[in-house]
C-alpha atoms as a PDB file:
ATOM      1  CA  MET A   1       0.000   0.000   0.000  1.00  0.00           C
ATOM      2  CA  ILE A   2       2.841   2.369   0.829  1.00  0.00           C
ATOM      3  CA  LEU A   3       4.487   1.732  -2.542  1.00  0.00           C
ATOM      4  CA  GLU A   4       1.186   2.441  -4.323  1.00  0.00           C
ATOM      5  CA  ASN A   5       0.954   5.823  -2.592  1.00  0.00           C
ATOM      6  CA  ILE A   6       4.440   6.985  -3.576  1.00  0.00           C
ATOM      7  CA  PRO A   7       3.502   8.304  -7.071  1.00  0.00           C
ATOM      8  CA  LYS A   8       0.618  10.311  -5.614  1.00  0.00           C
ATOM      9  CA  MET A   9       2.850  11.772  -2.934  1.00  0.00           C
ATOM     10  CA  VAL A  10       5.479  12.638  -5.552  1.00  0.00           C
ATOM     11  CA  GLY A  11       2.847  14.531  -7.534  1.00  0.00           C
ATOM     12  CA  MET A  12       1.652  16.384  -4.441  1.00  0.00           C
ATOM     13  CA  ILE A  13       5.183  17.326  -3.357  1.00  0.00           C
ATOM     14  CA  TYR A  14       6.004  18.502  -6.878  1.00  0.00           C
ATOM     15  CA  ALA A  15       2.924  20.733  -6.953  1.00  0.00           C
ATOM     16  CA  ILE A  16       3.703  22.303  -3.571  1.00  0.00           C
ATOM     17  CA  ILE A  17       7.374  22.993  -4.327  1.00  0.00           C
ATOM     18  CA  ALA A  18       6.660  24.245  -7.840  1.00  0.00           C
ATOM     19  CA  LEU A  19       3.918  26.576  -6.604  1.00  0.00           C
ATOM     20  CA  PHE A  20       6.278  28.296  -4.166  1.00  0.00           C
ATOM     21  CA  ILE A  21       8.971  28.547  -6.844  1.00  0.00           C
ATOM     22  CA  LEU A  22       6.560  30.166  -9.287  1.00  0.00           C
ATOM     23  CA  ALA A  23       5.162  32.516  -6.637  1.00  0.00           C
ATOM     24  CA  TYR A  24       8.723  33.627  -5.866  1.00  0.00           C
ATOM     25  CA  LEU A  25       9.527  34.162  -9.547  1.00  0.00           C
ATOM     26  CA  PHE A  26       6.357  36.174 -10.077  1.00  0.00           C
ATOM     27  CA  HIS A  27       7.059  38.260  -6.980  1.00  0.00           C
ATOM     28  CA  LYS A  28      10.648  38.986  -8.021  1.00  0.00           C
ATOM     29  CA  ASP A  29       9.521  39.715 -11.594  1.00  0.00           C
ATOM     30  CA  LYS A  30      11.766  36.921 -12.869  1.00  0.00           C
ATOM     31  CA  PHE A  31       9.028  34.827 -14.430  1.00  0.00           C
ATOM     32  CA  ASN A  32       9.152  34.597 -18.223  1.00  0.00           C
ATOM     33  CA  ARG A  33       7.486  32.685 -21.000  1.00  0.00           C
ATOM     34  CA  ASN A  34      10.180  29.967 -21.170  1.00  0.00           C
ATOM     35  CA  ILE A  35       9.803  29.228 -17.462  1.00  0.00           C
ATOM     36  CA  GLY A  36       6.070  28.957 -18.005  1.00  0.00           C
ATOM     37  CA  TYR A  37       6.584  26.499 -20.880  1.00  0.00           C
ATOM     38  CA  PHE A  38       8.884  24.380 -18.710  1.00  0.00           C
ATOM     39  CA  PHE A  39       6.318  23.983 -15.934  1.00  0.00           C
ATOM     40  CA  LEU A  40       3.457  23.395 -18.364  1.00  0.00           C
ATOM     41  CA  ILE A  41       5.348  20.551 -20.031  1.00  0.00           C
ATOM     42  CA  LEU A  42       6.544  19.092 -16.720  1.00  0.00           C
ATOM     43  CA  SER A  43       3.072  19.205 -15.169  1.00  0.00           C
ATOM     44  CA  THR A  44       1.519  17.536 -18.207  1.00  0.00           C
ATOM     45  CA  LEU A  45       4.100  14.750 -18.027  1.00  0.00           C
ATOM     46  CA  MET A  46       3.395  14.358 -14.309  1.00  0.00           C
ATOM     47  CA  GLY A  47      -0.249  13.867 -15.182  1.00  0.00           C
ATOM     48  CA  PHE A  48       0.559  10.940 -17.450  1.00  0.00           C
ATOM     49  CA  LEU A  49       3.258   9.465 -15.201  1.00  0.00           C
ATOM     50  CA  VAL A  50       1.681   9.638 -11.736  1.00  0.00           C
ATOM     51  CA  PHE A  51      -1.822  10.965 -12.433  1.00  0.00           C
ATOM     52  CA  ALA A  52      -1.453  13.488  -9.647  1.00  0.00           C
ATOM     53  CA  PRO A  53      -2.488  15.948  -8.477  1.00  0.00           C
ATOM     54  CA  MET A  54      -5.835  15.586 -10.223  1.00  0.00           C
ATOM     55  CA  PHE A  55      -8.021  17.382  -7.714  1.00  0.00           C
ATOM     56  CA  PRO A  56     -11.232  17.479  -9.790  1.00  0.00           C
ATOM     57  CA  ILE A  57     -11.220  13.686  -9.887  1.00  0.00           C
ATOM     58  CA  GLN A  58     -10.211  13.373  -6.242  1.00  0.00           C
ATOM     59  CA  LEU A  59     -13.099  15.629  -5.243  1.00  0.00           C
ATOM     60  CA  GLN A  60     -15.519  13.568  -7.342  1.00  0.00           C
ATOM     61  CA  LEU A  61     -14.386  10.258  -5.809  1.00  0.00           C
ATOM     62  CA  ILE A  62     -14.694  11.653  -2.291  1.00  0.00           C
ATOM     63  CA  LEU A  63     -18.271  12.746  -3.039  1.00  0.00           C
ATOM     64  CA  LEU A  64     -18.980   9.227  -4.302  1.00  0.00           C
ATOM     65  CA  GLY A  65     -17.552   7.664  -1.146  1.00  0.00           C
ATOM     66  CA  LYS A  66     -14.878   5.912  -3.205  1.00  0.00           C
ATOM     67  CA  ALA A  67     -11.804   7.489  -1.679  1.00  0.00           C
ATOM     68  CA  ARG A  68     -10.045   4.099  -1.717  1.00  0.00           C
ATOM     69  CA  LEU A  69      -9.755   4.456  -5.502  1.00  0.00           C
ATOM     70  CA  LEU A  70      -7.534   7.488  -5.069  1.00  0.00           C
ATOM     71  CA  GLY A  71      -4.510   5.309  -4.400  1.00  0.00           C
ATOM     72  CA  ALA A  72      -3.798   7.391  -1.288  1.00  0.00           C
ATOM     73  CA  PRO A  73      -5.395   7.734   2.163  1.00  0.00           C
ATOM     74  CA  LEU A  74      -8.513   9.898   2.356  1.00  0.00           C
ATOM     75  CA  SER A  75      -6.767  12.184   4.847  1.00  0.00           C
ATOM     76  CA  ILE A  76      -4.007  12.974   2.333  1.00  0.00           C
ATOM     77  CA  ALA A  77      -6.537  13.747  -0.405  1.00  0.00           C
ATOM     78  CA  LEU A  78      -8.516  16.071   1.871  1.00  0.00           C
ATOM     79  CA  VAL A  79      -5.366  17.832   3.063  1.00  0.00           C
ATOM     80  CA  GLY A  80      -4.328  18.370  -0.554  1.00  0.00           C
ATOM     81  CA  LEU A  81      -7.718  19.762  -1.550  1.00  0.00           C
ATOM     82  CA  VAL A  82      -7.789  22.219   1.348  1.00  0.00           C
ATOM     83  CA  LEU A  83      -4.096  23.112   1.111  1.00  0.00           C
ATOM     84  CA  PHE A  84      -4.272  24.305  -2.485  1.00  0.00           C
ATOM     85  CA  ILE A  85      -7.372  26.372  -1.752  1.00  0.00           C
ATOM     86  CA  LEU A  86      -5.396  28.119   1.009  1.00  0.00           C
ATOM     87  CA  LEU A  87      -2.384  28.550  -1.273  1.00  0.00           C
ATOM     88  CA  THR A  88      -4.660  30.101  -3.886  1.00  0.00           C
ATOM     89  CA  ILE A  89      -5.933  32.565  -1.284  1.00  0.00           C
ATOM     90  CA  LEU A  90      -2.304  33.526  -0.723  1.00  0.00           C
ATOM     91  CA  PHE A  91      -0.846  33.472  -4.233  1.00  0.00           C
ATOM     92  CA  GLY A  92      -3.673  33.345  -6.787  1.00  0.00           C
ATOM     93  CA  ARG A  93      -4.383  30.546  -9.250  1.00  0.00           C
ATOM     94  CA  ILE A  94      -0.812  29.474  -9.909  1.00  0.00           C
ATOM     95  CA  PHE A  95      -1.826  25.853  -9.392  1.00  0.00           C
ATOM     96  CA  CYS A  96      -4.505  26.083 -12.075  1.00  0.00           C
ATOM     97  CA  GLY A  97      -2.208  28.018 -14.360  1.00  0.00           C
ATOM     98  CA  TYR A  98       0.846  25.777 -14.392  1.00  0.00           C
ATOM     99  CA  LEU A  99       0.622  22.750 -12.089  1.00  0.00           C
ATOM    100  CA  CYS A 100      -2.663  20.975 -12.778  1.00  0.00           C
ATOM    101  CA  PRO A 101      -2.026  18.566 -15.681  1.00  0.00           C
ATOM    102  CA  ILE A 102      -5.556  19.114 -16.971  1.00  0.00           C
ATOM    103  CA  GLY A 103      -5.040  22.860 -17.182  1.00  0.00           C
ATOM    104  CA  ALA A 104      -1.454  22.634 -18.385  1.00  0.00           C
ATOM    105  CA  ILE A 105      -2.254  20.579 -21.471  1.00  0.00           C
ATOM    106  CA  GLN A 106      -5.086  22.955 -22.421  1.00  0.00           C
ATOM    107  CA  GLU A 107      -2.787  25.950 -21.997  1.00  0.00           C
ATOM    108  CA  MET A 108      -0.173  24.423 -24.294  1.00  0.00           C
ATOM    109  CA  LEU A 109      -2.740  23.639 -26.960  1.00  0.00           C
ATOM    110  CA  TYR A 110      -4.061  27.204 -26.832  1.00  0.00           C
ATOM    111  CA  LEU A 111      -0.531  28.401 -27.595  1.00  0.00           C
ATOM    112  CA  LEU A 112      -0.750  26.868 -31.066  1.00  0.00           C
ATOM    113  CA  PRO A 113      -0.893  29.580 -33.766  1.00  0.00           C
ATOM    114  CA  THR A 114      -4.549  29.332 -34.755  1.00  0.00           C
ATOM    115  CA  PRO A 115      -7.462  31.794 -34.797  1.00  0.00           C
ATOM    116  CA  LYS A 116      -8.902  32.240 -31.297  1.00  0.00           C
ATOM    117  CA  LYS A 117     -12.463  32.684 -30.097  1.00  0.00           C
ATOM    118  CA  ASN A 118     -12.581  34.847 -27.013  1.00  0.00           C
ATOM    119  CA  ILE A 119     -15.662  34.204 -24.867  1.00  0.00           C
ATOM    120  CA  THR A 120     -16.387  37.544 -23.213  1.00  0.00           C
ATOM    121  CA  LEU A 121     -19.392  36.592 -21.075  1.00  0.00           C
ATOM    122  CA  LYS A 122     -17.325  35.990 -17.935  1.00  0.00           C
ATOM    123  CA  LYS A 123     -20.242  36.251 -15.529  1.00  0.00           C
ATOM    124  CA  TYR A 124     -22.244  33.624 -17.411  1.00  0.00           C
ATOM    125  CA  ILE A 125     -19.248  31.300 -17.616  1.00  0.00           C
ATOM    126  CA  ILE A 126     -18.916  31.446 -13.829  1.00  0.00           C
ATOM    127  CA  ILE A 127     -22.641  30.871 -13.374  1.00  0.00           C
ATOM    128  CA  PHE A 128     -22.543  27.872 -15.726  1.00  0.00           C
ATOM    129  CA  ARG A 129     -19.622  26.310 -13.821  1.00  0.00           C
ATOM    130  CA  ILE A 130     -21.433  26.711 -10.506  1.00  0.00           C
ATOM    131  CA  ILE A 131     -24.587  25.133 -11.957  1.00  0.00           C
ATOM    132  CA  PHE A 132     -22.535  22.269 -13.392  1.00  0.00           C
ATOM    133  CA  PHE A 133     -20.819  21.842 -10.015  1.00  0.00           C
ATOM    134  CA  LEU A 134     -24.174  21.566  -8.240  1.00  0.00           C
ATOM    135  CA  PHE A 135     -25.314  19.152 -10.945  1.00  0.00           C
ATOM    136  CA  ILE A 136     -22.404  16.730 -10.529  1.00  0.00           C
ATOM    137  CA  VAL A 137     -22.557  16.968  -6.720  1.00  0.00           C
ATOM    138  CA  SER A 138     -26.255  16.093  -6.833  1.00  0.00           C
ATOM    139  CA  LEU A 139     -25.659  13.156  -9.172  1.00  0.00           C
ATOM    140  CA  ALA A 140     -22.822  11.906  -6.977  1.00  0.00           C
ATOM    141  CA  LEU A 141     -24.632  12.173  -3.647  1.00  0.00           C
ATOM    142  CA  VAL A 142     -28.095  11.106  -4.772  1.00  0.00           C
ATOM    143  CA  PHE A 143     -27.457   8.664  -7.613  1.00  0.00           C
ATOM    144  CA  SER A 144     -23.756   7.756  -7.128  1.00  0.00           C
ATOM    145  CA  ILE A 145     -23.012   8.832 -10.702  1.00  0.00           C
ATOM    146  CA  ASN A 146     -19.413   9.754 -11.523  1.00  0.00           C
ATOM    147  CA  THR A 147     -20.042  12.568 -13.993  1.00  0.00           C
ATOM    148  CA  LEU A 148     -16.379  13.324 -14.628  1.00  0.00           C
ATOM    149  CA  SER A 149     -15.792   9.766 -15.813  1.00  0.00           C
ATOM    150  CA  TYR A 150     -18.030  10.571 -18.782  1.00  0.00           C
ATOM    151  CA  LEU A 151     -15.765  13.498 -19.648  1.00  0.00           C
ATOM    152  CA  GLY A 152     -12.866  11.072 -20.024  1.00  0.00           C
ATOM    153  CA  LEU A 153     -10.228  12.668 -17.794  1.00  0.00           C
ATOM    154  CA  ALA A 154      -9.008   9.455 -16.184  1.00  0.00           C
ATOM    155  CA  SER A 155      -9.194   7.515 -19.448  1.00  0.00           C
ATOM    156  CA  PHE A 156      -7.097  10.102 -21.252  1.00  0.00           C
ATOM    157  CA  PHE A 157      -4.307  10.472 -18.700  1.00  0.00           C
ATOM    158  CA  ASN A 158      -4.206   6.713 -18.119  1.00  0.00           C
ATOM    159  CA  LEU A 159      -3.700   6.361 -21.894  1.00  0.00           C
ATOM    160  CA  LYS A 160      -6.903   4.403 -22.398  1.00  0.00           C
ATOM    161  CA  ILE A 161      -7.619   6.304 -25.578  1.00  0.00           C
ATOM    162  CA  THR A 162      -9.734   3.452 -26.902  1.00  0.00           C
ATOM    163  CA  SER A 163     -12.369   4.259 -24.292  1.00  0.00           C
ATOM    164  CA  ILE A 164     -15.355   6.117 -25.714  1.00  0.00           C
ATOM    165  CA  PHE A 165     -15.167   8.485 -22.740  1.00  0.00           C
ATOM    166  CA  SER A 166     -11.577   9.450 -23.500  1.00  0.00           C
ATOM    167  CA  ILE A 167     -12.845  10.785 -26.824  1.00  0.00           C
ATOM    168  CA  VAL A 168     -14.934  13.370 -24.967  1.00  0.00           C
ATOM    169  CA  PHE A 169     -11.861  14.856 -23.314  1.00  0.00           C
ATOM    170  CA  VAL A 170      -9.980  14.708 -26.613  1.00  0.00           C
ATOM    171  CA  ILE A 171     -12.764  16.811 -28.117  1.00  0.00           C
ATOM    172  CA  LEU A 172     -12.429  19.288 -25.248  1.00  0.00           C
ATOM    173  CA  LEU A 173      -8.689  19.431 -25.936  1.00  0.00           C
ATOM    174  CA  LEU A 174      -9.326  20.146 -29.596  1.00  0.00           C
ATOM    175  CA  VAL A 175     -11.695  22.942 -28.597  1.00  0.00           C
ATOM    176  CA  SER A 176      -8.996  24.333 -26.295  1.00  0.00           C
ATOM    177  CA  ILE A 177      -6.853  25.063 -29.347  1.00  0.00           C
ATOM    178  CA  PHE A 178      -9.340  27.799 -30.233  1.00  0.00           C
ATOM    179  CA  VAL A 179     -11.130  28.565 -26.941  1.00  0.00           C
ATOM    180  CA  TYR A 180      -9.177  29.214 -23.770  1.00  0.00           C
ATOM    181  CA  ARG A 181      -9.323  26.329 -21.249  1.00  0.00           C
ATOM    182  CA  PRO A 182     -12.897  25.080 -21.809  1.00  0.00           C
ATOM    183  CA  PHE A 183     -12.695  22.367 -19.138  1.00  0.00           C
ATOM    184  CA  CYS A 184     -11.193  24.669 -16.490  1.00  0.00           C
ATOM    185  CA  ARG A 185     -13.674  27.449 -17.109  1.00  0.00           C
ATOM    186  CA  LEU A 186     -16.856  25.449 -17.619  1.00  0.00           C
ATOM    187  CA  PHE A 187     -16.633  21.987 -16.077  1.00  0.00           C
ATOM    188  CA  CYS A 188     -13.970  21.813 -13.357  1.00  0.00           C
ATOM    189  CA  PRO A 189     -15.664  21.228  -9.975  1.00  0.00           C
ATOM    190  CA  TYR A 190     -12.525  22.051  -8.014  1.00  0.00           C
ATOM    191  CA  GLY A 191     -12.194  25.241 -10.023  1.00  0.00           C
ATOM    192  CA  VAL A 192     -15.310  26.554  -8.279  1.00  0.00           C
ATOM    193  CA  PHE A 193     -13.411  26.617  -4.987  1.00  0.00           C
ATOM    194  CA  LEU A 194     -10.207  27.970  -6.499  1.00  0.00           C
ATOM    195  CA  SER A 195     -12.087  30.713  -8.315  1.00  0.00           C
ATOM    196  CA  LEU A 196     -13.650  31.852  -5.039  1.00  0.00           C
ATOM    197  CA  ALA A 197     -10.254  31.635  -3.339  1.00  0.00           C
ATOM    198  CA  ALA A 198      -8.595  33.711  -6.080  1.00  0.00           C
ATOM    199  CA  ARG A 199     -11.305  36.330  -5.684  1.00  0.00           C
ATOM    200  CA  ILE A 200      -9.869  37.167  -2.252  1.00  0.00           C
ATOM    201  CA  SER A 201      -6.243  36.226  -2.913  1.00  0.00           C
ATOM    202  CA  ILE A 202      -3.748  38.331  -1.007  1.00  0.00           C
ATOM    203  CA  ILE A 203      -1.139  38.546  -3.760  1.00  0.00           C
ATOM    204  CA  LYS A 204      -2.231  38.823  -7.375  1.00  0.00           C
ATOM    205  CA  LEU A 205      -1.473  40.642 -10.623  1.00  0.00           C
ATOM    206  CA  ARG A 206      -2.472  44.274 -10.145  1.00  0.00           C
ATOM    207  CA  ARG A 207      -2.018  47.550 -11.975  1.00  0.00           C
ATOM    208  CA  ASN A 208       0.237  50.177 -10.451  1.00  0.00           C
ATOM    209  CA  SER A 209       0.244  53.953 -10.744  1.00  0.00           C
ATOM    210  CA  ASP A 210       2.227  53.831 -13.995  1.00  0.00           C
ATOM    211  CA  CYS A 211      -0.805  52.535 -15.891  1.00  0.00           C
ATOM    212  CA  ILE A 212      -1.657  54.676 -18.937  1.00  0.00           C
ATOM    213  CA  ASP A 213      -4.993  52.952 -19.647  1.00  0.00           C
ATOM    214  CA  CYS A 214      -3.915  51.771 -23.079  1.00  0.00           C
ATOM    215  CA  ASP A 215      -6.187  48.699 -22.699  1.00  0.00           C
ATOM    216  CA  LYS A 216      -3.637  46.379 -24.301  1.00  0.00           C
ATOM    217  CA  CYS A 217      -3.805  44.038 -21.321  1.00  0.00           C
ATOM    218  CA  GLU A 218      -7.597  43.867 -21.490  1.00  0.00           C
ATOM    219  CA  LYS A 219      -7.550  43.069 -25.201  1.00  0.00           C
ATOM    220  CA  ILE A 220      -5.122  40.160 -24.832  1.00  0.00           C
ATOM    221  CA  CYS A 221      -6.482  38.630 -21.612  1.00  0.00           C
ATOM    222  CA  PRO A 222      -8.218  35.340 -22.548  1.00  0.00           C
ATOM    223  CA  THR A 223     -10.506  35.415 -19.492  1.00  0.00           C
ATOM    224  CA  ASN A 224     -11.376  39.137 -19.402  1.00  0.00           C
ATOM    225  CA  GLU A 225      -9.752  39.634 -16.007  1.00  0.00           C
ATOM    226  CA  ALA A 226      -7.221  42.369 -16.835  1.00  0.00           C
ATOM    227  CA  GLY A 227      -9.445  45.330 -16.051  1.00  0.00           C
ATOM    228  CA  GLY A 228      -8.440  47.600 -13.204  1.00  0.00           C
ATOM    229  CA  ASN A 229     -11.534  46.636 -11.186  1.00  0.00           C
ATOM    230  CA  ASP A 230     -11.571  42.940 -12.065  1.00  0.00           C
ATOM    231  CA  LEU A 231     -11.167  40.589  -9.108  1.00  0.00           C
ATOM    232  CA  LYS A 232      -8.850  38.160 -10.946  1.00  0.00           C
ATOM    233  CA  GLN A 233     -10.872  35.129  -9.856  1.00  0.00           C
ATOM    234  CA  GLU A 234     -10.600  33.758 -13.393  1.00  0.00           C
ATOM    235  CA  CYS A 235      -6.964  34.809 -13.798  1.00  0.00           C
ATOM    236  CA  PHE A 236      -4.781  31.785 -14.584  1.00  0.00           C
ATOM    237  CA  MET A 237      -1.561  33.793 -14.219  1.00  0.00           C
ATOM    238  CA  CYS A 238      -0.747  33.376 -17.910  1.00  0.00           C
ATOM    239  CA  ASN A 239       1.217  36.659 -17.804  1.00  0.00           C
ATOM    240  CA  ARG A 240      -0.024  37.812 -21.200  1.00  0.00           C
ATOM    241  CA  CYS A 241      -1.032  41.144 -19.673  1.00  0.00           C
ATOM    242  CA  LYS A 242       2.479  41.803 -18.383  1.00  0.00           C
ATOM    243  CA  ASP A 243       4.019  40.759 -21.693  1.00  0.00           C
ATOM    244  CA  VAL A 244       2.100  43.424 -23.654  1.00  0.00           C
ATOM    245  CA  CYS A 245       2.183  46.243 -21.107  1.00  0.00           C
ATOM    246  CA  PRO A 246       4.312  49.057 -22.601  1.00  0.00           C
ATOM    247  CA  VAL A 247       5.081  50.724 -19.243  1.00  0.00           C
ATOM    248  CA  ASP A 248       5.464  47.766 -16.850  1.00  0.00           C
ATOM    249  CA  ALA A 249       2.329  48.816 -15.005  1.00  0.00           C
ATOM    250  CA  ILE A 250       1.296  45.310 -13.931  1.00  0.00           C
ATOM    251  CA  GLU A 251       2.840  43.781 -10.839  1.00  0.00           C
ATOM    252  CA  TYR A 252       2.350  40.646  -8.785  1.00  0.00           C
ATOM    253  CA  LYS A 253       1.823  42.264  -5.423  1.00  0.00           C
ATOM    254  CA  LEU A 254      -0.309  42.987  -2.382  1.00  0.00           C
ATOM    255  CA  ARG A 255      -3.086  45.519  -2.603  1.00  0.00           C
ATOM    256  CA  ASP A 256      -1.812  49.072  -2.237  1.00  0.00           C
ATOM    257  CA  LYS A 257      -2.596  50.694   1.094  1.00  0.00           C
ATOM    258  CA  LYS A 258      -4.893  53.656   0.761  1.00  0.00           C
END
């Protein structure tokens, strides 16, 4: 049993260490696109190699009362779920942005040079995800239905591509080439908690007094979170806003004291 848990623990330890490294790099303004690519690739590989941390699936299995299928003790899974919510309150959605294999592979596919469709109805996207979250929780608790299994996450990362359900996630991945992170923004149950946590995060990307209101950051942001009054709850720390800012007016920092 201990040997079976080692891969899961490796994935968890990787995510914790990597999150602090990325938070430090963002804070010191040393993060760049190549560093982002490195963690996206590494996190995706971790998803295939150890299938961890896959918190949406862990949350679903806990709701179903099937924690034994996690390959790790229930206590470890719960600690992981709560820990990364707390870390998101501190540092923003770095985990979603670079360390979740599900998000990482979508981010890499969106980087492909193809026409993009920007969905601007942020409020309705959030409402849809909450409704979907309540839907899968209800199905899990009342009917013991594992909704996420029909989206093919486990089948895909376990390389069971012949499964009909894995095709569903493959379709979502194909959509993610043109639409930014469709699974993360519409279907991820754990993302509901991390979105709420990011809403009140202590350190996040913020504009400083050098801002000239050129709106370049708002035009390039794939989740419409670059506005001066946006709460950044859907900010995946992609850094596109900083990359296009002509006056370095965007910083990863605490809220300015008034």
